[in-house]
Amino acid sequence: MSTAVKDVAQEMLALAQEITRKKNPEGALGQVLKGYLERRINECKEEIAKFENKYGMPFEDYKEMLGVKITLSYEHEKDYMDWEASVIEYGFLKDEKNKLDYYGY
């Protein structure tokens, strides 16, 4: 790792400590990451809810009906890809937050 990258990393850790008022750099970084993950999780929930409200069903039902009871159109396929991406990201982010929770952040 270059000296410049190490300097930036140290500055970022110091900033995290200052913002969170935690002396321990790991605790500060954990708190900052947890806040970010919670924000992204909520954004994914909102995106998923938007599609559930639009189609009146959960993603798994939509997935099964697409091309059968729901016509294949550009809009429906784009919604499928965006909805699926939100569902996948939501699961990933929840898993990562659970890891932070496990370690006490």
C-alpha atoms as a PDB file:
ATOM      1  CA  MET A   1       0.000   0.000   0.000  1.00  0.00           C
ATOM      2  CA  SER A   2       1.426   3.371  -0.957  1.00  0.00           C
ATOM      3  CA  THR A   3       2.224   6.013   1.616  1.00  0.00           C
ATOM      4  CA  ALA A   4      -0.430   8.323   0.166  1.00  0.00           C
ATOM      5  CA  VAL A   5      -3.107   5.645   0.544  1.00  0.00           C
ATOM      6  CA  LYS A   6      -1.994   4.927   4.118  1.00  0.00           C
ATOM      7  CA  ASP A   7      -2.148   8.645   4.913  1.00  0.00           C
ATOM      8  CA  VAL A   8      -5.673   8.925   3.526  1.00  0.00           C
ATOM      9  CA  ALA A   9      -6.739   5.802   5.427  1.00  0.00           C
ATOM     10  CA  GLN A  10      -5.353   7.232   8.659  1.00  0.00           C
ATOM     11  CA  GLU A  11      -7.109  10.537   8.021  1.00  0.00           C
ATOM     12  CA  MET A  12     -10.384   8.714   7.367  1.00  0.00           C
ATOM     13  CA  LEU A  13     -10.030   6.731  10.598  1.00  0.00           C
ATOM     14  CA  ALA A  14      -9.267   9.921  12.514  1.00  0.00           C
ATOM     15  CA  LEU A  15     -12.344  11.558  10.999  1.00  0.00           C
ATOM     16  CA  ALA A  16     -14.486   8.550  11.949  1.00  0.00           C
ATOM     17  CA  GLN A  17     -13.152   8.802  15.510  1.00  0.00           C
ATOM     18  CA  GLU A  18     -13.885  12.528  15.635  1.00  0.00           C
ATOM     19  CA  ILE A  19     -17.409  12.163  14.235  1.00  0.00           C
ATOM     20  CA  THR A  20     -18.365   9.262  16.492  1.00  0.00           C
ATOM     21  CA  ARG A  21     -16.355  10.486  19.502  1.00  0.00           C
ATOM     22  CA  LYS A  22     -14.897   7.006  19.880  1.00  0.00           C
ATOM     23  CA  LYS A  23     -11.243   6.629  20.823  1.00  0.00           C
ATOM     24  CA  ASN A  24     -11.010   3.125  19.382  1.00  0.00           C
ATOM     25  CA  PRO A  25     -10.552   3.328  15.568  1.00  0.00           C
ATOM     26  CA  GLU A  26     -12.250  -0.042  15.039  1.00  0.00           C
ATOM     27  CA  GLY A  27     -15.270   1.056  17.068  1.00  0.00           C
ATOM     28  CA  ALA A  28     -15.463   4.344  15.190  1.00  0.00           C
ATOM     29  CA  LEU A  29     -15.221   2.658  11.806  1.00  0.00           C
ATOM     30  CA  GLY A  30     -17.789   0.054  12.849  1.00  0.00           C
ATOM     31  CA  GLN A  31     -20.243   2.752  13.884  1.00  0.00           C
ATOM     32  CA  VAL A  32     -19.776   4.679  10.630  1.00  0.00           C
ATOM     33  CA  LEU A  33     -20.189   1.515   8.561  1.00  0.00           C
ATOM     34  CA  LYS A  34     -23.272   0.499  10.530  1.00  0.00           C
ATOM     35  CA  GLY A  35     -24.866   3.895   9.891  1.00  0.00           C
ATOM     36  CA  TYR A  36     -24.127   3.590   6.177  1.00  0.00           C
ATOM     37  CA  LEU A  37     -25.502   0.052   6.022  1.00  0.00           C
ATOM     38  CA  GLU A  38     -28.683   1.066   7.852  1.00  0.00           C
ATOM     39  CA  ARG A  39     -29.228   3.933   5.407  1.00  0.00           C
ATOM     40  CA  ARG A  40     -28.707   1.698   2.357  1.00  0.00           C
ATOM     41  CA  ILE A  41     -30.935  -1.020   3.850  1.00  0.00           C
ATOM     42  CA  ASN A  42     -33.721   1.539   4.262  1.00  0.00           C
ATOM     43  CA  GLU A  43     -33.240   2.757   0.688  1.00  0.00           C
ATOM     44  CA  CYS A  44     -33.536  -0.831  -0.572  1.00  0.00           C
ATOM     45  CA  LYS A  45     -36.667  -1.377   1.538  1.00  0.00           C
ATOM     46  CA  GLU A  46     -38.222   1.738   0.016  1.00  0.00           C
ATOM     47  CA  GLU A  47     -37.355   0.591  -3.514  1.00  0.00           C
ATOM     48  CA  ILE A  48     -38.771  -2.896  -2.849  1.00  0.00           C
ATOM     49  CA  ALA A  49     -41.945  -1.406  -1.330  1.00  0.00           C
ATOM     50  CA  LYS A  50     -42.351   0.827  -4.394  1.00  0.00           C
ATOM     51  CA  PHE A  51     -42.425  -2.227  -6.670  1.00  0.00           C
ATOM     52  CA  GLU A  52     -44.630  -4.230  -4.290  1.00  0.00           C
ATOM     53  CA  ASN A  53     -47.129  -1.362  -4.281  1.00  0.00           C
ATOM     54  CA  LYS A  54     -46.947  -0.956  -8.054  1.00  0.00           C
ATOM     55  CA  TYR A  55     -47.621  -4.632  -8.767  1.00  0.00           C
ATOM     56  CA  GLY A  56     -49.510  -5.607  -5.603  1.00  0.00           C
ATOM     57  CA  MET A  57     -47.303  -8.609  -4.873  1.00  0.00           C
ATOM     58  CA  PRO A  58     -43.895  -9.606  -3.531  1.00  0.00           C
ATOM     59  CA  PHE A  59     -40.930 -10.072  -5.863  1.00  0.00           C
ATOM     60  CA  GLU A  60     -41.067 -13.878  -5.909  1.00  0.00           C
ATOM     61  CA  ASP A  61     -44.679 -13.819  -7.165  1.00  0.00           C
ATOM     62  CA  TYR A  62     -43.818 -11.211  -9.784  1.00  0.00           C
ATOM     63  CA  LYS A  63     -40.874 -13.312 -10.911  1.00  0.00           C
ATOM     64  CA  GLU A  64     -43.120 -16.340 -11.441  1.00  0.00           C
ATOM     65  CA  MET A  65     -45.804 -14.366 -13.282  1.00  0.00           C
ATOM     66  CA  LEU A  66     -43.525 -12.389 -15.587  1.00  0.00           C
ATOM     67  CA  GLY A  67     -44.031 -13.720 -19.088  1.00  0.00           C
ATOM     68  CA  VAL A  68     -47.035 -15.779 -17.979  1.00  0.00           C
ATOM     69  CA  LYS A  69     -49.677 -13.491 -16.482  1.00  0.00           C
ATOM     70  CA  ILE A  70     -47.613 -10.322 -16.773  1.00  0.00           C
ATOM     71  CA  THR A  71     -46.649  -9.414 -20.331  1.00  0.00           C
ATOM     72  CA  LEU A  72     -43.016  -9.164 -21.288  1.00  0.00           C
ATOM     73  CA  SER A  73     -42.445  -5.508 -22.018  1.00  0.00           C
ATOM     74  CA  TYR A  74     -39.484  -3.222 -21.654  1.00  0.00           C
ATOM     75  CA  GLU A  75     -41.031  -1.630 -18.536  1.00  0.00           C
ATOM     76  CA  HIS A  76     -41.804  -4.991 -16.898  1.00  0.00           C
ATOM     77  CA  GLU A  77     -38.371  -6.410 -17.646  1.00  0.00           C
ATOM     78  CA  LYS A  78     -36.631  -3.247 -16.421  1.00  0.00           C
ATOM     79  CA  ASP A  79     -38.730  -3.298 -13.264  1.00  0.00           C
ATOM     80  CA  TYR A  80     -37.799  -6.961 -12.816  1.00  0.00           C
ATOM     81  CA  MET A  81     -34.071  -6.204 -13.055  1.00  0.00           C
ATOM     82  CA  ASP A  82     -34.263  -3.166 -10.766  1.00  0.00           C
ATOM     83  CA  TRP A  83     -36.463  -4.983  -8.249  1.00  0.00           C
ATOM     84  CA  GLU A  84     -34.234  -8.053  -8.255  1.00  0.00           C
ATOM     85  CA  ALA A  85     -31.149  -5.873  -7.768  1.00  0.00           C
ATOM     86  CA  SER A  86     -32.792  -4.217  -4.749  1.00  0.00           C
ATOM     87  CA  VAL A  87     -33.773  -7.585  -3.254  1.00  0.00           C
ATOM     88  CA  ILE A  88     -30.247  -8.970  -3.709  1.00  0.00           C
ATOM     89  CA  GLU A  89     -28.596  -5.826  -2.353  1.00  0.00           C
ATOM     90  CA  TYR A  90     -30.984  -5.772   0.623  1.00  0.00           C
ATOM     91  CA  GLY A  91     -30.026  -9.338   1.539  1.00  0.00           C
ATOM     92  CA  PHE A  92     -26.313  -8.622   1.172  1.00  0.00           C
ATOM     93  CA  LEU A  93     -26.482  -5.448   3.252  1.00  0.00           C
ATOM     94  CA  LYS A  94     -28.518  -7.167   5.986  1.00  0.00           C
ATOM     95  CA  ASP A  95     -25.906  -9.931   6.186  1.00  0.00           C
ATOM     96  CA  GLU A  96     -23.106  -7.394   6.483  1.00  0.00           C
ATOM     97  CA  LYS A  97     -24.973  -5.445   9.173  1.00  0.00           C
ATOM     98  CA  ASN A  98     -25.548  -8.681  11.072  1.00  0.00           C
ATOM     99  CA  LYS A  99     -21.780  -9.250  11.045  1.00  0.00           C
ATOM    100  CA  LEU A 100     -21.228  -5.811  12.569  1.00  0.00           C
ATOM    101  CA  ASP A 101     -23.933  -6.520  15.162  1.00  0.00           C
ATOM    102  CA  TYR A 102     -22.259  -9.843  15.981  1.00  0.00           C
ATOM    103  CA  TYR A 103     -18.968  -8.065  16.678  1.00  0.00           C
ATOM    104  CA  GLY A 104     -20.695  -5.478  18.839  1.00  0.00           C
ATOM    105  CA  TYR A 105     -20.712  -2.468  16.555  1.00  0.00           C
END
